Amino acid sequence: MKLQLLLKQFISYSTVGFFSIAIDAALYIILSDLFSVSKSLSKIISFIAGSVNSFIGNKIFTFRIKSFNLNEPVKFFIVYSISLMFNSLTHDFFLEIYDGALPFLISTIVSVIINFFGQKLWVFNSKK
């Protein structure tokens, strides 16, 4: 049963994540390509926008938390701050090596792993 719940949550998390990544990618492209904002700053801003979508979507759809707990946004902020640090460092590291979308994709994968387990095990852990 636990594995089944984990799989269900990961599928829901992935669906919410797809939309969060779409927001992240679209804003990254708009800022860096259309408005000539540096790629590094564009990644930070786009990551934050995708993160807000992720918090709302995962709270409601993935982990089905209906109550409001002030600790959740604080914990989420901590997890995502750590994730942002690794996302930005990974992005900038691979940007020195590769052109194109690869730095974005690699940094996104790193964030997905950190964020899912951070939310599952700490932010939205309701001890059911």
C-alpha atoms as a PDB file:
ATOM      1  CA  MET A   1       0.000   0.000   0.000  1.00  0.00           C
ATOM      2  CA  LYS A   2       2.819   2.440   0.812  1.00  0.00           C
ATOM      3  CA  LEU A   3       4.463   1.845  -2.560  1.00  0.00           C
ATOM      4  CA  GLN A   4       1.125   2.352  -4.303  1.00  0.00           C
ATOM      5  CA  LEU A   5       0.579   5.660  -2.463  1.00  0.00           C
ATOM      6  CA  LEU A   6       4.137   6.770  -3.243  1.00  0.00           C
ATOM      7  CA  LEU A   7       3.604   5.974  -6.929  1.00  0.00           C
ATOM      8  CA  LYS A   8       0.268   7.818  -6.989  1.00  0.00           C
ATOM      9  CA  GLN A   9       1.839  10.838  -5.304  1.00  0.00           C
ATOM     10  CA  PHE A  10       4.822  10.803  -7.637  1.00  0.00           C
ATOM     11  CA  ILE A  11       2.535  10.707 -10.689  1.00  0.00           C
ATOM     12  CA  SER A  12       0.528  13.643  -9.323  1.00  0.00           C
ATOM     13  CA  TYR A  13       3.764  15.419  -8.379  1.00  0.00           C
ATOM     14  CA  SER A  14       5.049  14.848 -11.912  1.00  0.00           C
ATOM     15  CA  THR A  15       1.875  16.283 -13.426  1.00  0.00           C
ATOM     16  CA  VAL A  16       2.063  19.389 -11.245  1.00  0.00           C
ATOM     17  CA  GLY A  17       5.774  19.475 -11.980  1.00  0.00           C
ATOM     18  CA  PHE A  18       5.165  19.399 -15.727  1.00  0.00           C
ATOM     19  CA  PHE A  19       3.171  22.607 -15.444  1.00  0.00           C
ATOM     20  CA  SER A  20       5.685  24.134 -13.052  1.00  0.00           C
ATOM     21  CA  ILE A  21       8.528  23.318 -15.448  1.00  0.00           C
ATOM     22  CA  ALA A  22       6.501  24.763 -18.345  1.00  0.00           C
ATOM     23  CA  ILE A  23       6.148  28.008 -16.389  1.00  0.00           C
ATOM     24  CA  ASP A  24       9.853  27.860 -15.486  1.00  0.00           C
ATOM     25  CA  ALA A  25      10.939  27.238 -19.092  1.00  0.00           C
ATOM     26  CA  ALA A  26       8.597  29.779 -20.668  1.00  0.00           C
ATOM     27  CA  LEU A  27       9.608  32.533 -18.289  1.00  0.00           C
ATOM     28  CA  TYR A  28      13.301  31.627 -18.670  1.00  0.00           C
ATOM     29  CA  ILE A  29      13.038  31.945 -22.463  1.00  0.00           C
ATOM     30  CA  ILE A  30      10.975  35.130 -22.317  1.00  0.00           C
ATOM     31  CA  LEU A  31      13.340  36.823 -19.891  1.00  0.00           C
ATOM     32  CA  SER A  32      16.626  35.704 -21.424  1.00  0.00           C
ATOM     33  CA  ASP A  33      15.758  35.712 -25.127  1.00  0.00           C
ATOM     34  CA  LEU A  34      13.119  38.410 -25.470  1.00  0.00           C
ATOM     35  CA  PHE A  35      14.176  40.813 -22.733  1.00  0.00           C
ATOM     36  CA  SER A  36      17.942  40.063 -22.709  1.00  0.00           C
ATOM     37  CA  VAL A  37      18.051  39.388 -18.968  1.00  0.00           C
ATOM     38  CA  SER A  38      21.137  37.332 -18.111  1.00  0.00           C
ATOM     39  CA  LYS A  39      20.570  33.590 -18.299  1.00  0.00           C
ATOM     40  CA  SER A  40      21.619  33.185 -14.674  1.00  0.00           C
ATOM     41  CA  LEU A  41      19.132  35.779 -13.362  1.00  0.00           C
ATOM     42  CA  SER A  42      16.454  34.498 -15.749  1.00  0.00           C
ATOM     43  CA  LYS A  43      16.873  31.012 -14.278  1.00  0.00           C
ATOM     44  CA  ILE A  44      16.495  32.282 -10.725  1.00  0.00           C
ATOM     45  CA  ILE A  45      13.334  34.276 -11.519  1.00  0.00           C
ATOM     46  CA  SER A  46      11.778  31.483 -13.589  1.00  0.00           C
ATOM     47  CA  PHE A  47      12.582  28.936 -10.877  1.00  0.00           C
ATOM     48  CA  ILE A  48      10.764  31.034  -8.270  1.00  0.00           C
ATOM     49  CA  ALA A  49       7.659  31.353 -10.486  1.00  0.00           C
ATOM     50  CA  GLY A  50       7.580  27.605 -11.090  1.00  0.00           C
ATOM     51  CA  SER A  51       8.062  27.015  -7.366  1.00  0.00           C
ATOM     52  CA  VAL A  52       4.995  29.043  -6.423  1.00  0.00           C
ATOM     53  CA  ASN A  53       2.931  26.955  -8.844  1.00  0.00           C
ATOM     54  CA  SER A  54       4.464  23.802  -7.382  1.00  0.00           C
ATOM     55  CA  PHE A  55       3.592  24.725  -3.792  1.00  0.00           C
ATOM     56  CA  ILE A  56      -0.045  25.388  -4.589  1.00  0.00           C
ATOM     57  CA  GLY A  57      -0.464  22.397  -6.905  1.00  0.00           C
ATOM     58  CA  ASN A  58       1.282  19.863  -4.690  1.00  0.00           C
ATOM     59  CA  LYS A  59      -0.440  21.034  -1.527  1.00  0.00           C
ATOM     60  CA  ILE A  60      -3.871  20.689  -3.152  1.00  0.00           C
ATOM     61  CA  PHE A  61      -3.493  17.835  -5.654  1.00  0.00           C
ATOM     62  CA  THR A  62      -0.504  15.676  -4.699  1.00  0.00           C
ATOM     63  CA  PHE A  63      -0.542  15.606  -0.924  1.00  0.00           C
ATOM     64  CA  ARG A  64      -4.212  16.678  -0.533  1.00  0.00           C
ATOM     65  CA  ILE A  65      -3.615  18.990   2.392  1.00  0.00           C
ATOM     66  CA  LYS A  66      -6.769  20.989   3.034  1.00  0.00           C
ATOM     67  CA  SER A  67      -5.824  22.741   6.249  1.00  0.00           C
ATOM     68  CA  PHE A  68      -3.556  25.743   6.386  1.00  0.00           C
ATOM     69  CA  ASN A  69      -0.427  25.408   8.458  1.00  0.00           C
ATOM     70  CA  LEU A  70       1.930  28.377   8.610  1.00  0.00           C
ATOM     71  CA  ASN A  71       4.860  25.960   8.872  1.00  0.00           C
ATOM     72  CA  GLU A  72       4.216  24.594   5.359  1.00  0.00           C
ATOM     73  CA  PRO A  73       5.187  27.741   3.437  1.00  0.00           C
ATOM     74  CA  VAL A  74       8.205  28.200   5.713  1.00  0.00           C
ATOM     75  CA  LYS A  75       9.350  24.596   5.222  1.00  0.00           C
ATOM     76  CA  PHE A  76       8.605  24.827   1.503  1.00  0.00           C
ATOM     77  CA  PHE A  77      10.690  27.994   1.301  1.00  0.00           C
ATOM     78  CA  ILE A  78      13.595  26.238   3.028  1.00  0.00           C
ATOM     79  CA  VAL A  79      13.414  23.187   0.723  1.00  0.00           C
ATOM     80  CA  TYR A  80      13.106  25.370  -2.354  1.00  0.00           C
ATOM     81  CA  SER A  81      15.905  27.676  -1.214  1.00  0.00           C
ATOM     82  CA  ILE A  82      18.185  24.661  -0.964  1.00  0.00           C
ATOM     83  CA  SER A  83      16.862  23.424  -4.293  1.00  0.00           C
ATOM     84  CA  LEU A  84      17.349  26.870  -5.872  1.00  0.00           C
ATOM     85  CA  MET A  85      20.961  26.905  -4.705  1.00  0.00           C
ATOM     86  CA  PHE A  86      21.629  23.494  -6.276  1.00  0.00           C
ATOM     87  CA  ASN A  87      19.560  24.411  -9.354  1.00  0.00           C
ATOM     88  CA  SER A  88      21.475  27.626  -9.939  1.00  0.00           C
ATOM     89  CA  LEU A  89      24.895  26.091  -9.264  1.00  0.00           C
ATOM     90  CA  THR A  90      24.155  23.101 -11.494  1.00  0.00           C
ATOM     91  CA  HIS A  91      22.773  25.341 -14.240  1.00  0.00           C
ATOM     92  CA  ASP A  92      25.765  27.694 -14.183  1.00  0.00           C
ATOM     93  CA  PHE A  93      28.259  24.816 -14.015  1.00  0.00           C
ATOM     94  CA  PHE A  94      26.805  23.066 -17.060  1.00  0.00           C
ATOM     95  CA  LEU A  95      26.307  26.381 -18.882  1.00  0.00           C
ATOM     96  CA  GLU A  96      30.101  26.647 -18.951  1.00  0.00           C
ATOM     97  CA  ILE A  97      30.313  23.232 -20.654  1.00  0.00           C
ATOM     98  CA  TYR A  98      27.195  22.962 -22.844  1.00  0.00           C
ATOM     99  CA  ASP A  99      25.075  25.244 -24.969  1.00  0.00           C
ATOM    100  CA  GLY A 100      21.356  24.957 -25.509  1.00  0.00           C
ATOM    101  CA  ALA A 101      18.793  23.424 -23.195  1.00  0.00           C
ATOM    102  CA  LEU A 102      21.013  20.848 -21.478  1.00  0.00           C
ATOM    103  CA  PRO A 103      22.036  23.062 -18.510  1.00  0.00           C
ATOM    104  CA  PHE A 104      18.354  23.881 -17.926  1.00  0.00           C
ATOM    105  CA  LEU A 105      17.345  20.215 -18.126  1.00  0.00           C
ATOM    106  CA  ILE A 106      20.084  18.944 -15.812  1.00  0.00           C
ATOM    107  CA  SER A 107      19.413  21.621 -13.201  1.00  0.00           C
ATOM    108  CA  THR A 108      15.688  20.852 -13.401  1.00  0.00           C
ATOM    109  CA  ILE A 109      16.275  17.133 -12.763  1.00  0.00           C
ATOM    110  CA  VAL A 110      18.378  17.962  -9.710  1.00  0.00           C
ATOM    111  CA  SER A 111      15.565  20.162  -8.388  1.00  0.00           C
ATOM    112  CA  VAL A 112      12.864  17.546  -9.032  1.00  0.00           C
ATOM    113  CA  ILE A 113      14.667  15.025  -6.843  1.00  0.00           C
ATOM    114  CA  ILE A 114      15.333  17.470  -4.005  1.00  0.00           C
ATOM    115  CA  ASN A 115      11.832  18.944  -4.120  1.00  0.00           C
ATOM    116  CA  PHE A 116       9.822  15.716  -4.244  1.00  0.00           C
ATOM    117  CA  PHE A 117      11.527  14.155  -1.273  1.00  0.00           C
ATOM    118  CA  GLY A 118      11.666  17.443   0.630  1.00  0.00           C
ATOM    119  CA  GLN A 119       7.920  17.930   0.195  1.00  0.00           C
ATOM    120  CA  LYS A 120       7.017  14.286   0.758  1.00  0.00           C
ATOM    121  CA  LEU A 121       9.154  13.743   3.842  1.00  0.00           C
ATOM    122  CA  TRP A 122       9.083  17.154   5.467  1.00  0.00           C
ATOM    123  CA  VAL A 123       6.862  19.928   4.085  1.00  0.00           C
ATOM    124  CA  PHE A 124       3.603  18.029   3.609  1.00  0.00           C
ATOM    125  CA  ASN A 125       4.310  15.093   5.911  1.00  0.00           C
ATOM    126  CA  SER A 126       0.977  14.775   7.684  1.00  0.00           C
ATOM    127  CA  LYS A 127       1.893  11.555   9.577  1.00  0.00           C
ATOM    128  CA  LYS A 128      -1.289   9.794   8.372  1.00  0.00           C
END
